[in-house]
Amino acid sequence: MYYPSKAREIAMQNNQPFHLAAWFRRGSSIIFSTNSSRCSTKFKRTYRDGSVGYHLHAEMALLNKISVGSISEVHVIRFTKNGNITMAKPCEHCQKYLKEYGIKKVHYTNWNGLWSFMRL
């Protein structure tokens, strides 16, 4: 059910210092997204130090492709520069947006490159 080889192929081409891919299944289709330096005021975040960020994490870019409530489960995987799988747990901001979009289950890779699971 997981698609790490396709995710690696897509994520490693995103021209970012780290490579993150997120996806969901809709019928027989798999919809992928990666992190990017693109900005979106839709996902404005204010950090603890008062700074503001608008860049898209893979989860947020994925949410741009769906309507609220249309899916309930996503998968997130992260790769180091050399392509090894590493921690991809969604940050607190992504968790907030995922929950607002009706996502109830998130599968993500942990520090050991194994799949973990969280409910929102």
C-alpha atoms as a PDB file:
ATOM      1  CA  MET A   1       0.000   0.000   0.000  1.00  0.00           C
ATOM      2  CA  TYR A   2       2.970   2.358   0.469  1.00  0.00           C
ATOM      3  CA  TYR A   3       4.852   3.861  -2.446  1.00  0.00           C
ATOM      4  CA  PRO A   4       8.323   4.811  -1.129  1.00  0.00           C
ATOM      5  CA  SER A   5      10.195   4.178  -4.384  1.00  0.00           C
ATOM      6  CA  LYS A   6       7.885   6.493  -6.348  1.00  0.00           C
ATOM      7  CA  ALA A   7       8.002   9.023  -3.485  1.00  0.00           C
ATOM      8  CA  ARG A   8      11.834   8.936  -3.498  1.00  0.00           C
ATOM      9  CA  GLU A   9      11.914   9.492  -7.245  1.00  0.00           C
ATOM     10  CA  ILE A  10       9.607  12.522  -6.974  1.00  0.00           C
ATOM     11  CA  ALA A  11      11.066  13.984  -3.768  1.00  0.00           C
ATOM     12  CA  MET A  12      14.711  13.821  -4.832  1.00  0.00           C
ATOM     13  CA  GLN A  13      13.896  16.118  -7.769  1.00  0.00           C
ATOM     14  CA  ASN A  14      12.477  18.988  -5.682  1.00  0.00           C
ATOM     15  CA  ASN A  15      15.757  21.003  -5.575  1.00  0.00           C
ATOM     16  CA  GLN A  16      15.488  21.533  -1.808  1.00  0.00           C
ATOM     17  CA  PRO A  17      18.060  20.813   0.927  1.00  0.00           C
ATOM     18  CA  PHE A  18      15.732  18.107   2.265  1.00  0.00           C
ATOM     19  CA  HIS A  19      13.315  15.935   0.342  1.00  0.00           C
ATOM     20  CA  LEU A  20       9.819  15.316   1.611  1.00  0.00           C
ATOM     21  CA  ALA A  21       6.915  13.664  -0.158  1.00  0.00           C
ATOM     22  CA  ALA A  22       3.307  13.259   0.893  1.00  0.00           C
ATOM     23  CA  TRP A  23       0.547  11.341  -0.822  1.00  0.00           C
ATOM     24  CA  PHE A  24      -2.972  10.042  -0.577  1.00  0.00           C
ATOM     25  CA  ARG A  25      -4.989   7.499  -2.502  1.00  0.00           C
ATOM     26  CA  ARG A  26      -8.127   8.534  -4.369  1.00  0.00           C
ATOM     27  CA  GLY A  27      -9.776   5.554  -6.003  1.00  0.00           C
ATOM     28  CA  SER A  28      -7.126   3.933  -8.174  1.00  0.00           C
ATOM     29  CA  SER A  29      -4.989   7.117  -8.307  1.00  0.00           C
ATOM     30  CA  ILE A  30      -2.140   8.140  -6.031  1.00  0.00           C
ATOM     31  CA  ILE A  31      -1.697  11.911  -5.635  1.00  0.00           C
ATOM     32  CA  PHE A  32       1.846  13.003  -4.659  1.00  0.00           C
ATOM     33  CA  SER A  33       3.231  16.315  -3.465  1.00  0.00           C
ATOM     34  CA  THR A  34       6.665  17.525  -2.299  1.00  0.00           C
ATOM     35  CA  ASN A  35       8.002  20.364  -0.192  1.00  0.00           C
ATOM     36  CA  SER A  36       8.970  23.498  -2.089  1.00  0.00           C
ATOM     37  CA  SER A  37      10.161  27.062  -1.663  1.00  0.00           C
ATOM     38  CA  ARG A  38       6.880  28.308  -3.143  1.00  0.00           C
ATOM     39  CA  CYS A  39       4.915  30.557  -0.846  1.00  0.00           C
ATOM     40  CA  SER A  40       1.257  30.468   0.030  1.00  0.00           C
ATOM     41  CA  THR A  41      -0.474  33.019   2.244  1.00  0.00           C
ATOM     42  CA  LYS A  42      -3.076  30.309   2.809  1.00  0.00           C
ATOM     43  CA  PHE A  43      -0.530  28.600   5.060  1.00  0.00           C
ATOM     44  CA  LYS A  44       0.849  31.610   6.951  1.00  0.00           C
ATOM     45  CA  ARG A  45       2.613  30.534  10.137  1.00  0.00           C
ATOM     46  CA  THR A  46       3.877  32.647  12.998  1.00  0.00           C
ATOM     47  CA  TYR A  47       6.782  31.106  14.867  1.00  0.00           C
ATOM     48  CA  ARG A  48       7.619  31.431  18.579  1.00  0.00           C
ATOM     49  CA  ASP A  49      10.232  34.092  17.854  1.00  0.00           C
ATOM     50  CA  GLY A  50       7.600  36.214  16.054  1.00  0.00           C
ATOM     51  CA  SER A  51       8.867  35.515  12.539  1.00  0.00           C
ATOM     52  CA  VAL A  52       6.370  34.588   9.843  1.00  0.00           C
ATOM     53  CA  GLY A  53       6.726  31.849   7.219  1.00  0.00           C
ATOM     54  CA  TYR A  54       4.751  31.022   4.116  1.00  0.00           C
ATOM     55  CA  HIS A  55       6.756  28.209   2.497  1.00  0.00           C
ATOM     56  CA  LEU A  56       5.009  24.949   1.731  1.00  0.00           C
ATOM     57  CA  HIS A  57       5.776  21.702   3.466  1.00  0.00           C
ATOM     58  CA  ALA A  58       4.782  18.642   1.442  1.00  0.00           C
ATOM     59  CA  GLU A  59       1.687  18.136   3.569  1.00  0.00           C
ATOM     60  CA  MET A  60       0.532  21.706   2.927  1.00  0.00           C
ATOM     61  CA  ALA A  61       1.209  21.431  -0.796  1.00  0.00           C
ATOM     62  CA  LEU A  62      -0.833  18.231  -0.776  1.00  0.00           C
ATOM     63  CA  LEU A  63      -3.742  19.996   0.925  1.00  0.00           C
ATOM     64  CA  ASN A  64      -3.737  22.543  -1.919  1.00  0.00           C
ATOM     65  CA  LYS A  65      -4.800  19.668  -4.204  1.00  0.00           C
ATOM     66  CA  ILE A  66      -7.884  18.612  -2.238  1.00  0.00           C
ATOM     67  CA  SER A  67     -11.068  20.034  -0.811  1.00  0.00           C
ATOM     68  CA  VAL A  68     -11.798  19.933   2.908  1.00  0.00           C
ATOM     69  CA  GLY A  69     -13.136  16.557   3.989  1.00  0.00           C
ATOM     70  CA  SER A  70     -12.379  14.761   0.723  1.00  0.00           C
ATOM     71  CA  ILE A  71      -9.758  12.384   2.191  1.00  0.00           C
ATOM     72  CA  SER A  72      -9.055  11.100   5.692  1.00  0.00           C
ATOM     73  CA  GLU A  73      -5.567   9.550   5.486  1.00  0.00           C
ATOM     74  CA  VAL A  74      -2.138  10.676   4.207  1.00  0.00           C
ATOM     75  CA  HIS A  75       1.372   9.227   4.049  1.00  0.00           C
ATOM     76  CA  VAL A  76       4.525  11.308   4.568  1.00  0.00           C
ATOM     77  CA  ILE A  77       8.124  10.236   3.924  1.00  0.00           C
ATOM     78  CA  ARG A  78      11.405  12.168   4.159  1.00  0.00           C
ATOM     79  CA  PHE A  79      14.770  11.504   2.542  1.00  0.00           C
ATOM     80  CA  THR A  80      18.269  12.716   3.348  1.00  0.00           C
ATOM     81  CA  LYS A  81      20.518  14.068   0.564  1.00  0.00           C
ATOM     82  CA  ASN A  82      21.780  10.558  -0.131  1.00  0.00           C
ATOM     83  CA  GLY A  83      18.241   9.159  -0.403  1.00  0.00           C
ATOM     84  CA  ASN A  84      17.997   7.408   2.969  1.00  0.00           C
ATOM     85  CA  ILE A  85      14.611   7.474   4.692  1.00  0.00           C
ATOM     86  CA  THR A  86      14.425   9.560   7.885  1.00  0.00           C
ATOM     87  CA  MET A  87      11.974  11.347  10.237  1.00  0.00           C
ATOM     88  CA  ALA A  88       8.913  12.789   8.500  1.00  0.00           C
ATOM     89  CA  LYS A  89       6.477  13.377  11.365  1.00  0.00           C
ATOM     90  CA  PRO A  90       4.380  16.408  10.381  1.00  0.00           C
ATOM     91  CA  CYS A  91       5.257  19.582  12.289  1.00  0.00           C
ATOM     92  CA  GLU A  92       2.703  21.164  14.634  1.00  0.00           C
ATOM     93  CA  HIS A  93       1.567  23.547  11.885  1.00  0.00           C
ATOM     94  CA  CYS A  94       1.040  20.759   9.360  1.00  0.00           C
ATOM     95  CA  GLN A  95      -0.805  18.686  11.966  1.00  0.00           C
ATOM     96  CA  LYS A  96      -3.148  21.627  12.562  1.00  0.00           C
ATOM     97  CA  TYR A  97      -3.894  22.052   8.837  1.00  0.00           C
ATOM     98  CA  LEU A  98      -4.244  18.323   8.240  1.00  0.00           C
ATOM     99  CA  LYS A  99      -6.795  18.122  11.036  1.00  0.00           C
ATOM    100  CA  GLU A 100      -8.683  21.164   9.685  1.00  0.00           C
ATOM    101  CA  TYR A 101      -8.896  19.416   6.303  1.00  0.00           C
ATOM    102  CA  GLY A 102     -10.471  16.342   7.862  1.00  0.00           C
ATOM    103  CA  ILE A 103      -7.385  14.126   7.880  1.00  0.00           C
ATOM    104  CA  LYS A 104      -7.729  11.610  10.692  1.00  0.00           C
ATOM    105  CA  LYS A 105      -4.736   9.302  10.090  1.00  0.00           C
ATOM    106  CA  VAL A 106      -1.143  10.116   9.187  1.00  0.00           C
ATOM    107  CA  HIS A 107       1.460   7.484   8.349  1.00  0.00           C
ATOM    108  CA  TYR A 108       5.016   8.877   8.495  1.00  0.00           C
ATOM    109  CA  THR A 109       8.577   7.585   8.624  1.00  0.00           C
ATOM    110  CA  ASN A 110      10.535   7.742  11.895  1.00  0.00           C
ATOM    111  CA  TRP A 111      14.274   8.283  12.550  1.00  0.00           C
ATOM    112  CA  ASN A 112      14.935   4.605  11.796  1.00  0.00           C
ATOM    113  CA  GLY A 113      13.229   4.811   8.406  1.00  0.00           C
ATOM    114  CA  LEU A 114      10.291   2.712   9.614  1.00  0.00           C
ATOM    115  CA  TRP A 115       6.625   3.616   9.312  1.00  0.00           C
ATOM    116  CA  SER A 116       4.844   5.153  12.316  1.00  0.00           C
ATOM    117  CA  PHE A 117       1.242   6.198  12.680  1.00  0.00           C
ATOM    118  CA  MET A 118      -0.644   9.031  14.360  1.00  0.00           C
ATOM    119  CA  ARG A 119      -4.286   9.971  14.753  1.00  0.00           C
ATOM    120  CA  LEU A 120      -5.274  13.614  14.573  1.00  0.00           C
END
